[in-house]
Amino acid sequence: MPKFLVTYDLKNATPSPYVPFRDAAIKLGWSVWQLISDGNWYRLPNTTLIGEFTDMATADKSFDAIKPAAEKVLGHAITLEKQILVLYTKSLILSDQKQPAKST
């Protein structure tokens, strides 16, 4: 199944929308970690998510569902200022957080 990468900006607010948005994204099939060929998981930059979906439309629909789910937890509206959704093919990752993949 293809992978999609999305990065976004939210308008700052009190309380901050970032953690509820990220947590809602994870529940909807997105991740903040990427496994690469060296066998380690690397933490993506803040406000960047990766997920496997059947196609771009499904990935976009899943991303669109994050905002209302996070707003419900947060108790106020979230303003999504920018986003870019792309098909992930390969990358170079520099991250200060990594963890080894679990053996199966």
PDB file of N, CA and C in Angstrom:
ATOM      1  N   MET A   1       0.859  -1.176   0.000  1.00  0.00           N
ATOM      2  CA  MET A   1       0.000   0.000   0.000  1.00  0.00           C
ATOM      3  C   MET A   1       0.904   1.237   0.000  1.00  0.00           C
ATOM      4  N   PRO A   2       0.540   2.266  -0.764  1.00  0.00           N
ATOM      5  CA  PRO A   2       1.373   3.460  -0.825  1.00  0.00           C
ATOM      6  C   PRO A   2       1.397   4.232   0.494  1.00  0.00           C
ATOM      7  N   LYS A   3       2.502   4.925   0.722  1.00  0.00           N
ATOM      8  CA  LYS A   3       2.643   5.778   1.894  1.00  0.00           C
ATOM      9  C   LYS A   3       2.498   7.229   1.471  1.00  0.00           C
ATOM     10  N   PHE A   4       1.922   8.011   2.371  1.00  0.00           N
ATOM     11  CA  PHE A   4       1.739   9.432   2.126  1.00  0.00           C
ATOM     12  C   PHE A   4       2.318  10.209   3.294  1.00  0.00           C
ATOM     13  N   LEU A   5       2.912  11.345   2.973  1.00  0.00           N
ATOM     14  CA  LEU A   5       3.501  12.230   3.968  1.00  0.00           C
ATOM     15  C   LEU A   5       2.728  13.534   3.931  1.00  0.00           C
ATOM     16  N   VAL A   6       2.400  14.041   5.109  1.00  0.00           N
ATOM     17  CA  VAL A   6       1.714  15.323   5.186  1.00  0.00           C
ATOM     18  C   VAL A   6       2.434  16.184   6.215  1.00  0.00           C
ATOM     19  N   THR A   7       2.575  17.451   5.890  1.00  0.00           N
ATOM     20  CA  THR A   7       3.085  18.416   6.846  1.00  0.00           C
ATOM     21  C   THR A   7       2.091  19.577   6.873  1.00  0.00           C
ATOM     22  N   TYR A   8       1.976  20.212   8.021  1.00  0.00           N
ATOM     23  CA  TYR A   8       0.908  21.187   8.218  1.00  0.00           C
ATOM     24  C   TYR A   8       1.321  22.241   9.237  1.00  0.00           C
ATOM     25  N   ASP A   9       0.637  23.360   9.217  1.00  0.00           N
ATOM     26  CA  ASP A   9       0.773  24.402  10.235  1.00  0.00           C
ATOM     27  C   ASP A   9      -0.599  24.641  10.842  1.00  0.00           C
ATOM     28  N   LEU A  10      -0.611  24.774  12.159  1.00  0.00           N
ATOM     29  CA  LEU A  10      -1.822  25.141  12.881  1.00  0.00           C
ATOM     30  C   LEU A  10      -1.623  26.528  13.479  1.00  0.00           C
ATOM     31  N   LYS A  11      -2.703  27.264  13.617  1.00  0.00           N
ATOM     32  CA  LYS A  11      -2.631  28.563  14.290  1.00  0.00           C
ATOM     33  C   LYS A  11      -2.472  28.307  15.782  1.00  0.00           C
ATOM     34  N   ASN A  12      -1.509  28.992  16.398  1.00  0.00           N
ATOM     35  CA  ASN A  12      -1.316  28.854  17.841  1.00  0.00           C
ATOM     36  C   ASN A  12      -2.548  29.334  18.578  1.00  0.00           C
ATOM     37  N   ALA A  13      -2.867  28.658  19.653  1.00  0.00           N
ATOM     38  CA  ALA A  13      -4.022  29.007  20.476  1.00  0.00           C
ATOM     39  C   ALA A  13      -3.749  28.514  21.894  1.00  0.00           C
ATOM     40  N   THR A  14      -4.587  28.936  22.816  1.00  0.00           N
ATOM     41  CA  THR A  14      -4.513  28.452  24.195  1.00  0.00           C
ATOM     42  C   THR A  14      -5.839  27.800  24.522  1.00  0.00           C
ATOM     43  N   PRO A  15      -5.818  26.526  24.908  1.00  0.00           N
ATOM     44  CA  PRO A  15      -4.663  25.639  24.982  1.00  0.00           C
ATOM     45  C   PRO A  15      -4.174  25.251  23.580  1.00  0.00           C
ATOM     46  N   SER A  16      -2.918  24.824  23.523  1.00  0.00           N
ATOM     47  CA  SER A  16      -2.288  24.498  22.252  1.00  0.00           C
ATOM     48  C   SER A  16      -3.010  23.347  21.551  1.00  0.00           C
ATOM     49  N   PRO A  17      -3.211  23.452  20.242  1.00  0.00           N
ATOM     50  CA  PRO A  17      -3.884  22.390  19.500  1.00  0.00           C
ATOM     51  C   PRO A  17      -2.955  21.261  19.034  1.00  0.00           C
ATOM     52  N   TYR A  18      -1.650  21.431  19.192  1.00  0.00           N
ATOM     53  CA  TYR A  18      -0.711  20.505  18.556  1.00  0.00           C
ATOM     54  C   TYR A  18      -0.774  19.074  19.074  1.00  0.00           C
ATOM     55  N   VAL A  19      -0.763  18.877  20.369  1.00  0.00           N
ATOM     56  CA  VAL A  19      -0.781  17.504  20.908  1.00  0.00           C
ATOM     57  C   VAL A  19      -2.117  16.818  20.618  1.00  0.00           C
ATOM     58  N   PRO A  20      -3.262  17.473  20.858  1.00  0.00           N
ATOM     59  CA  PRO A  20      -4.523  16.814  20.500  1.00  0.00           C
ATOM     60  C   PRO A  20      -4.622  16.495  19.003  1.00  0.00           C
ATOM     61  N   PHE A  21      -4.086  17.368  18.149  1.00  0.00           N
ATOM     62  CA  PHE A  21      -4.108  17.125  16.707  1.00  0.00           C
ATOM     63  C   PHE A  21      -3.265  15.900  16.380  1.00  0.00           C
ATOM     64  N   ARG A  22      -2.048  15.833  16.924  1.00  0.00           N
ATOM     65  CA  ARG A  22      -1.166  14.688  16.685  1.00  0.00           C
ATOM     66  C   ARG A  22      -1.794  13.397  17.199  1.00  0.00           C
ATOM     67  N   ASP A  23      -2.349  13.440  18.402  1.00  0.00           N
ATOM     68  CA  ASP A  23      -2.962  12.236  18.989  1.00  0.00           C
ATOM     69  C   ASP A  23      -4.146  11.753  18.155  1.00  0.00           C
ATOM     70  N   ALA A  24      -4.962  12.687  17.664  1.00  0.00           N
ATOM     71  CA  ALA A  24      -6.087  12.310  16.801  1.00  0.00           C
ATOM     72  C   ALA A  24      -5.576  11.712  15.497  1.00  0.00           C
ATOM     73  N   ALA A  25      -4.490  12.257  14.966  1.00  0.00           N
ATOM     74  CA  ALA A  25      -3.908  11.736  13.722  1.00  0.00           C
ATOM     75  C   ALA A  25      -3.460  10.288  13.898  1.00  0.00           C
ATOM     76  N   ILE A  26      -2.817  10.006  15.003  1.00  0.00           N
ATOM     77  CA  ILE A  26      -2.339   8.642  15.267  1.00  0.00           C
ATOM     78  C   ILE A  26      -3.515   7.665  15.318  1.00  0.00           C
ATOM     79  N   LYS A  27      -4.607   8.084  15.923  1.00  0.00           N
ATOM     80  CA  LYS A  27      -5.792   7.220  15.993  1.00  0.00           C
ATOM     81  C   LYS A  27      -6.419   6.994  14.613  1.00  0.00           C
ATOM     82  N   LEU A  28      -6.129   7.883  13.674  1.00  0.00           N
ATOM     83  CA  LEU A  28      -6.696   7.789  12.327  1.00  0.00           C
ATOM     84  C   LEU A  28      -5.711   7.179  11.317  1.00  0.00           C
ATOM     85  N   GLY A  29      -4.666   6.528  11.811  1.00  0.00           N
ATOM     86  CA  GLY A  29      -3.773   5.795  10.928  1.00  0.00           C
ATOM     87  C   GLY A  29      -2.488   6.496  10.536  1.00  0.00           C
ATOM     88  N   TRP A  30      -2.228   7.660  11.092  1.00  0.00           N
ATOM     89  CA  TRP A  30      -1.000   8.389  10.804  1.00  0.00           C
ATOM     90  C   TRP A  30       0.043   8.064  11.867  1.00  0.00           C
ATOM     91  N   SER A  31       1.303   8.317  11.564  1.00  0.00           N
ATOM     92  CA  SER A  31       2.387   8.064  12.503  1.00  0.00           C
ATOM     93  C   SER A  31       3.369   9.230  12.492  1.00  0.00           C
ATOM     94  N   VAL A  32       4.107   9.387  13.592  1.00  0.00           N
ATOM     95  CA  VAL A  32       5.166  10.389  13.671  1.00  0.00           C
ATOM     96  C   VAL A  32       6.539   9.722  13.559  1.00  0.00           C
ATOM     97  N   TRP A  33       6.560   8.419  13.285  1.00  0.00           N
ATOM     98  CA  TRP A  33       7.793   7.640  13.156  1.00  0.00           C
ATOM     99  C   TRP A  33       7.860   6.997  11.777  1.00  0.00           C
ATOM    100  N   GLN A  34       9.090   6.875  11.234  1.00  0.00           N
ATOM    101  CA  GLN A  34       9.300   6.204   9.958  1.00  0.00           C
ATOM    102  C   GLN A  34      10.430   5.197  10.099  1.00  0.00           C
ATOM    103  N   LEU A  35      10.155   3.954   9.719  1.00  0.00           N
ATOM    104  CA  LEU A  35      11.157   2.896   9.680  1.00  0.00           C
ATOM    105  C   LEU A  35      11.939   3.020   8.376  1.00  0.00           C
ATOM    106  N   ILE A  36      13.282   3.023   8.480  1.00  0.00           N
ATOM    107  CA  ILE A  36      14.075   3.086   7.256  1.00  0.00           C
ATOM    108  C   ILE A  36      14.986   1.865   7.162  1.00  0.00           C
ATOM    109  N   SER A  37      15.733   1.794   6.081  1.00  0.00           N
ATOM    110  CA  SER A  37      16.478   0.581   5.735  1.00  0.00           C
ATOM    111  C   SER A  37      17.553   0.193   6.750  1.00  0.00           C
ATOM    112  N   ASP A  38      17.983   1.088   7.633  1.00  0.00           N
ATOM    113  CA  ASP A  38      18.986   0.712   8.633  1.00  0.00           C
ATOM    114  C   ASP A  38      18.367  -0.038   9.813  1.00  0.00           C
ATOM    115  N   GLY A  39      17.049  -0.266   9.748  1.00  0.00           N
ATOM    116  CA  GLY A  39      16.363  -1.023  10.796  1.00  0.00           C
ATOM    117  C   GLY A  39      15.931  -0.199  11.993  1.00  0.00           C
ATOM    118  N   ASN A  40      16.044   1.114  11.902  1.00  0.00           N
ATOM    119  CA  ASN A  40      15.636   1.988  13.004  1.00  0.00           C
ATOM    120  C   ASN A  40      14.409   2.811  12.617  1.00  0.00           C
ATOM    121  N   TRP A  41      13.634   3.155  13.635  1.00  0.00           N
ATOM    122  CA  TRP A  41      12.517   4.080  13.487  1.00  0.00           C
ATOM    123  C   TRP A  41      13.042   5.477  13.789  1.00  0.00           C
ATOM    124  N   TYR A  42      12.706   6.440  12.952  1.00  0.00           N
ATOM    125  CA  TYR A  42      13.132   7.814  13.156  1.00  0.00           C
ATOM    126  C   TYR A  42      11.911   8.712  13.337  1.00  0.00           C
ATOM    127  N   ARG A  43      12.020   9.607  14.320  1.00  0.00           N
ATOM    128  CA  ARG A  43      10.950  10.556  14.611  1.00  0.00           C
ATOM    129  C   ARG A  43      10.951  11.621  13.525  1.00  0.00           C
ATOM    130  N   LEU A  44       9.795  11.850  12.930  1.00  0.00           N
ATOM    131  CA  LEU A  44       9.649  12.881  11.907  1.00  0.00           C
ATOM    132  C   LEU A  44       9.623  14.265  12.554  1.00  0.00           C
ATOM    133  N   PRO A  45       9.874  15.311  11.773  1.00  0.00           N
ATOM    134  CA  PRO A  45       9.777  16.673  12.325  1.00  0.00           C
ATOM    135  C   PRO A  45       8.368  16.946  12.866  1.00  0.00           C
ATOM    136  N   ASN A  46       8.301  17.856  13.817  1.00  0.00           N
ATOM    137  CA  ASN A  46       6.994  18.251  14.359  1.00  0.00           C
ATOM    138  C   ASN A  46       6.084  18.678  13.222  1.00  0.00           C
ATOM    139  N   THR A  47       4.836  18.392  13.342  1.00  0.00           N
ATOM    140  CA  THR A  47       3.770  18.677  12.365  1.00  0.00           C
ATOM    141  C   THR A  47       3.994  17.970  11.039  1.00  0.00           C
ATOM    142  N   THR A  48       4.646  16.809  11.083  1.00  0.00           N
ATOM    143  CA  THR A  48       4.801  15.960   9.908  1.00  0.00           C
ATOM    144  C   THR A  48       4.311  14.570  10.277  1.00  0.00           C
ATOM    145  N   LEU A  49       3.500  14.001   9.403  1.00  0.00           N
ATOM    146  CA  LEU A  49       2.915  12.679   9.639  1.00  0.00           C
ATOM    147  C   LEU A  49       3.126  11.805   8.415  1.00  0.00           C
ATOM    148  N   ILE A  50       3.126  10.494   8.625  1.00  0.00           N
ATOM    149  CA  ILE A  50       3.213   9.539   7.531  1.00  0.00           C
ATOM    150  C   ILE A  50       2.162   8.464   7.750  1.00  0.00           C
ATOM    151  N   GLY A  51       1.581   7.980   6.671  1.00  0.00           N
ATOM    152  CA  GLY A  51       0.569   6.934   6.792  1.00  0.00           C
ATOM    153  C   GLY A  51       0.421   6.147   5.506  1.00  0.00           C
ATOM    154  N   GLU A  52      -0.072   4.928   5.633  1.00  0.00           N
ATOM    155  CA  GLU A  52      -0.343   4.077   4.476  1.00  0.00           C
ATOM    156  C   GLU A  52      -1.835   4.086   4.183  1.00  0.00           C
ATOM    157  N   PHE A  53      -2.162   4.437   2.952  1.00  0.00           N
ATOM    158  CA  PHE A  53      -3.557   4.514   2.516  1.00  0.00           C
ATOM    159  C   PHE A  53      -3.645   4.000   1.086  1.00  0.00           C
ATOM    160  N   THR A  54      -4.814   3.610   0.668  1.00  0.00           N
ATOM    161  CA  THR A  54      -4.976   3.029  -0.664  1.00  0.00           C
ATOM    162  C   THR A  54      -4.672   4.016  -1.784  1.00  0.00           C
ATOM    163  N   ASP A  55      -4.960   5.313  -1.557  1.00  0.00           N
ATOM    164  CA  ASP A  55      -4.715   6.324  -2.583  1.00  0.00           C
ATOM    165  C   ASP A  55      -4.708   7.713  -1.954  1.00  0.00           C
ATOM    166  N   MET A  56      -4.391   8.716  -2.753  1.00  0.00           N
ATOM    167  CA  MET A  56      -4.304  10.097  -2.270  1.00  0.00           C
ATOM    168  C   MET A  56      -5.633  10.589  -1.697  1.00  0.00           C
ATOM    169  N   ALA A  57      -6.729  10.251  -2.339  1.00  0.00           N
ATOM    170  CA  ALA A  57      -8.036  10.703  -1.854  1.00  0.00           C
ATOM    171  C   ALA A  57      -8.338  10.147  -0.465  1.00  0.00           C
ATOM    172  N   THR A  58      -7.986   8.890  -0.235  1.00  0.00           N
ATOM    173  CA  THR A  58      -8.215   8.276   1.076  1.00  0.00           C
ATOM    174  C   THR A  58      -7.310   8.901   2.123  1.00  0.00           C
ATOM    175  N   ALA A  59      -6.061   9.179   1.770  1.00  0.00           N
ATOM    176  CA  ALA A  59      -5.137   9.842   2.693  1.00  0.00           C
ATOM    177  C   ALA A  59      -5.658  11.237   3.041  1.00  0.00           C
ATOM    178  N   ASP A  60      -6.143  11.964   2.034  1.00  0.00           N
ATOM    179  CA  ASP A  60      -6.676  13.305   2.259  1.00  0.00           C
ATOM    180  C   ASP A  60      -7.908  13.264   3.152  1.00  0.00           C
ATOM    181  N   LYS A  61      -8.777  12.303   2.918  1.00  0.00           N
ATOM    182  CA  LYS A  61      -9.984  12.162   3.747  1.00  0.00           C
ATOM    183  C   LYS A  61      -9.598  11.856   5.202  1.00  0.00           C
ATOM    184  N   SER A  62      -8.615  10.989   5.385  1.00  0.00           N
ATOM    185  CA  SER A  62      -8.153  10.678   6.738  1.00  0.00           C
ATOM    186  C   SER A  62      -7.561  11.916   7.400  1.00  0.00           C
ATOM    187  N   PHE A  63      -6.746  12.673   6.655  1.00  0.00           N
ATOM    188  CA  PHE A  63      -6.172  13.894   7.231  1.00  0.00           C
ATOM    189  C   PHE A  63      -7.277  14.887   7.593  1.00  0.00           C
ATOM    190  N   ASP A  64      -8.259  15.040   6.725  1.00  0.00           N
ATOM    191  CA  ASP A  64      -9.369  15.965   7.002  1.00  0.00           C
ATOM    192  C   ASP A  64     -10.150  15.582   8.251  1.00  0.00           C
ATOM    193  N   ALA A  65     -10.157  14.301   8.609  1.00  0.00           N
ATOM    194  CA  ALA A  65     -10.888  13.836   9.797  1.00  0.00           C
ATOM    195  C   ALA A  65     -10.153  14.153  11.098  1.00  0.00           C
ATOM    196  N   ILE A  66      -8.891  14.504  11.013  1.00  0.00           N
ATOM    197  CA  ILE A  66      -8.117  14.787  12.230  1.00  0.00           C
ATOM    198  C   ILE A  66      -8.648  16.021  12.941  1.00  0.00           C
ATOM    199  N   LYS A  67      -8.872  17.087  12.202  1.00  0.00           N
ATOM    200  CA  LYS A  67      -9.264  18.372  12.795  1.00  0.00           C
ATOM    201  C   LYS A  67     -10.529  18.269  13.656  1.00  0.00           C
ATOM    202  N   PRO A  68     -11.640  17.724  13.147  1.00  0.00           N
ATOM    203  CA  PRO A  68     -12.824  17.641  14.006  1.00  0.00           C
ATOM    204  C   PRO A  68     -12.619  16.719  15.213  1.00  0.00           C
ATOM    205  N   ALA A  69     -11.845  15.660  15.044  1.00  0.00           N
ATOM    206  CA  ALA A  69     -11.577  14.764  16.180  1.00  0.00           C
ATOM    207  C   ALA A  69     -10.769  15.487  17.250  1.00  0.00           C
ATOM    208  N   ALA A  70      -9.779  16.255  16.848  1.00  0.00           N
ATOM    209  CA  ALA A  70      -8.960  17.005  17.803  1.00  0.00           C
ATOM    210  C   ALA A  70      -9.764  18.134  18.451  1.00  0.00           C
ATOM    211  N   GLU A  71     -10.612  18.787  17.673  1.00  0.00           N
ATOM    212  CA  GLU A  71     -11.450  19.863  18.221  1.00  0.00           C
ATOM    213  C   GLU A  71     -12.385  19.332  19.299  1.00  0.00           C
ATOM    214  N   LYS A  72     -12.890  18.134  19.108  1.00  0.00           N
ATOM    215  CA  LYS A  72     -13.789  17.529  20.101  1.00  0.00           C
ATOM    216  C   LYS A  72     -13.054  17.327  21.424  1.00  0.00           C
ATOM    217  N   VAL A  73     -11.820  16.854  21.366  1.00  0.00           N
ATOM    218  CA  VAL A  73     -11.025  16.639  22.577  1.00  0.00           C
ATOM    219  C   VAL A  73     -10.618  17.976  23.197  1.00  0.00           C
ATOM    220  N   LEU A  74     -10.212  18.911  22.357  1.00  0.00           N
ATOM    221  CA  LEU A  74      -9.699  20.198  22.810  1.00  0.00           C
ATOM    222  C   LEU A  74     -10.797  21.114  23.345  1.00  0.00           C
ATOM    223  N   GLY A  75     -11.971  21.021  22.764  1.00  0.00           N
ATOM    224  CA  GLY A  75     -13.081  21.865  23.209  1.00  0.00           C
ATOM    225  C   GLY A  75     -13.140  23.224  22.535  1.00  0.00           C
ATOM    226  N   HIS A  76     -12.343  23.440  21.519  1.00  0.00           N
ATOM    227  CA  HIS A  76     -12.449  24.670  20.733  1.00  0.00           C
ATOM    228  C   HIS A  76     -11.943  24.416  19.317  1.00  0.00           C
ATOM    229  N   ALA A  77     -12.250  25.371  18.437  1.00  0.00           N
ATOM    230  CA  ALA A  77     -11.893  25.231  17.024  1.00  0.00           C
ATOM    231  C   ALA A  77     -10.376  25.310  16.820  1.00  0.00           C
ATOM    232  N   ILE A  78      -9.921  24.592  15.813  1.00  0.00           N
ATOM    233  CA  ILE A  78      -8.521  24.623  15.403  1.00  0.00           C
ATOM    234  C   ILE A  78      -8.472  25.231  14.003  1.00  0.00           C
ATOM    235  N   THR A  79      -7.525  26.137  13.793  1.00  0.00           N
ATOM    236  CA  THR A  79      -7.332  26.717  12.465  1.00  0.00           C
ATOM    237  C   THR A  79      -6.140  26.045  11.798  1.00  0.00           C
ATOM    238  N   LEU A  80      -6.406  25.339  10.724  1.00  0.00           N
ATOM    239  CA  LEU A  80      -5.371  24.724   9.908  1.00  0.00           C
ATOM    240  C   LEU A  80      -4.934  25.779   8.900  1.00  0.00           C
ATOM    241  N   GLU A  81      -3.676  26.239   9.005  1.00  0.00           N
ATOM    242  CA  GLU A  81      -3.218  27.332   8.158  1.00  0.00           C
ATOM    243  C   GLU A  81      -2.641  26.854   6.829  1.00  0.00           C
ATOM    244  N   LYS A  82      -1.896  25.742   6.860  1.00  0.00           N
ATOM    245  CA  LYS A  82      -1.274  25.225   5.645  1.00  0.00           C
ATOM    246  C   LYS A  82      -1.162  23.719   5.744  1.00  0.00           C
ATOM    247  N   GLN A  83      -1.111  23.073   4.585  1.00  0.00           N
ATOM    248  CA  GLN A  83      -0.817  21.643   4.548  1.00  0.00           C
ATOM    249  C   GLN A  83      -0.298  21.276   3.167  1.00  0.00           C
ATOM    250  N   ILE A  84       0.518  20.251   3.135  1.00  0.00           N
ATOM    251  CA  ILE A  84       0.919  19.651   1.871  1.00  0.00           C
ATOM    252  C   ILE A  84       0.908  18.143   2.086  1.00  0.00           C
ATOM    253  N   LEU A  85       0.273  17.444   1.179  1.00  0.00           N
ATOM    254  CA  LEU A  85       0.145  15.991   1.214  1.00  0.00           C
ATOM    255  C   LEU A  85       0.833  15.451  -0.032  1.00  0.00           C
ATOM    256  N   VAL A  86       1.793  14.536   0.163  1.00  0.00           N
ATOM    257  CA  VAL A  86       2.553  14.009  -0.965  1.00  0.00           C
ATOM    258  C   VAL A  86       2.662  12.490  -0.875  1.00  0.00           C
ATOM    259  N   LEU A  87       2.837  11.877  -2.036  1.00  0.00           N
ATOM    260  CA  LEU A  87       3.114  10.453  -2.108  1.00  0.00           C
ATOM    261  C   LEU A  87       4.568  10.246  -1.704  1.00  0.00           C
ATOM    262  N   TYR A  88       4.795   9.382  -0.726  1.00  0.00           N
ATOM    263  CA  TYR A  88       6.136   9.118  -0.206  1.00  0.00           C
ATOM    264  C   TYR A  88       6.770   8.008  -1.029  1.00  0.00           C
ATOM    265  N   THR A  89       7.949   8.268  -1.572  1.00  0.00           N
ATOM    266  CA  THR A  89       8.630   7.222  -2.325  1.00  0.00           C
ATOM    267  C   THR A  89       9.940   6.826  -1.660  1.00  0.00           C
ATOM    268  N   LYS A  90      10.818   7.761  -1.396  1.00  0.00           N
ATOM    269  CA  LYS A  90      12.032   7.491  -0.640  1.00  0.00           C
ATOM    270  C   LYS A  90      12.525   8.801  -0.070  1.00  0.00           C
ATOM    271  N   SER A  91      13.438   8.696   0.908  1.00  0.00           N
ATOM    272  CA  SER A  91      13.863   9.917   1.574  1.00  0.00           C
ATOM    273  C   SER A  91      15.207   9.730   2.263  1.00  0.00           C
ATOM    274  N   LEU A  92      15.734  10.821   2.716  1.00  0.00           N
ATOM    275  CA  LEU A  92      16.861  10.849   3.633  1.00  0.00           C
ATOM    276  C   LEU A  92      16.311  11.450   4.923  1.00  0.00           C
ATOM    277  N   ILE A  93      16.613  10.834   6.039  1.00  0.00           N
ATOM    278  CA  ILE A  93      16.066  11.311   7.306  1.00  0.00           C
ATOM    279  C   ILE A  93      17.201  11.679   8.242  1.00  0.00           C
ATOM    280  N   LEU A  94      17.133  12.866   8.808  1.00  0.00           N
ATOM    281  CA  LEU A  94      18.010  13.301   9.882  1.00  0.00           C
ATOM    282  C   LEU A  94      17.100  13.606  11.053  1.00  0.00           C
ATOM    283  N   SER A  95      17.258  12.862  12.122  1.00  0.00           N
ATOM    284  CA  SER A  95      16.394  13.023  13.285  1.00  0.00           C
ATOM    285  C   SER A  95      17.223  12.825  14.547  1.00  0.00           C
ATOM    286  N   ASP A  96      16.927  13.608  15.579  1.00  0.00           N
ATOM    287  CA  ASP A  96      17.624  13.436  16.848  1.00  0.00           C
ATOM    288  C   ASP A  96      16.975  12.361  17.720  1.00  0.00           C
ATOM    289  N   GLN A  97      15.934  11.717  17.211  1.00  0.00           N
ATOM    290  CA  GLN A  97      15.265  10.645  17.941  1.00  0.00           C
ATOM    291  C   GLN A  97      15.162   9.418  17.056  1.00  0.00           C
ATOM    292  N   LYS A  98      15.663   8.289  17.570  1.00  0.00           N
ATOM    293  CA  LYS A  98      15.513   7.039  16.844  1.00  0.00           C
ATOM    294  C   LYS A  98      15.362   5.916  17.850  1.00  0.00           C
ATOM    295  N   GLN A  99      14.768   4.842  17.385  1.00  0.00           N
ATOM    296  CA  GLN A  99      14.630   3.648  18.210  1.00  0.00           C
ATOM    297  C   GLN A  99      14.723   2.426  17.303  1.00  0.00           C
ATOM    298  N   PRO A 100      15.335   1.353  17.798  1.00  0.00           N
ATOM    299  CA  PRO A 100      15.457   0.169  16.949  1.00  0.00           C
ATOM    300  C   PRO A 100      14.104  -0.472  16.686  1.00  0.00           C
ATOM    301  N   ALA A 101      13.988  -1.068  15.511  1.00  0.00           N
ATOM    302  CA  ALA A 101      12.771  -1.820  15.173  1.00  0.00           C
ATOM    303  C   ALA A 101      12.728  -3.060  16.054  1.00  0.00           C
ATOM    304  N   LYS A 102      11.539  -3.462  16.439  1.00  0.00           N
ATOM    305  CA  LYS A 102      11.364  -4.666  17.253  1.00  0.00           C
ATOM    306  C   LYS A 102      11.491  -5.905  16.377  1.00  0.00           C
ATOM    307  N   SER A 103      12.158  -6.909  16.876  1.00  0.00           N
ATOM    308  CA  SER A 103      12.279  -8.164  16.158  1.00  0.00           C
ATOM    309  C   SER A 103      10.974  -8.925  16.209  1.00  0.00           C
ATOM    310  N   THR A 104      10.662  -9.633  15.140  1.00  0.00           N
ATOM    311  CA  THR A 104       9.425 -10.428  15.125  1.00  0.00           C
ATOM    312  C   THR A 104       9.743 -11.887  15.187  1.00  0.00           C
TER     313      THR A 104
END
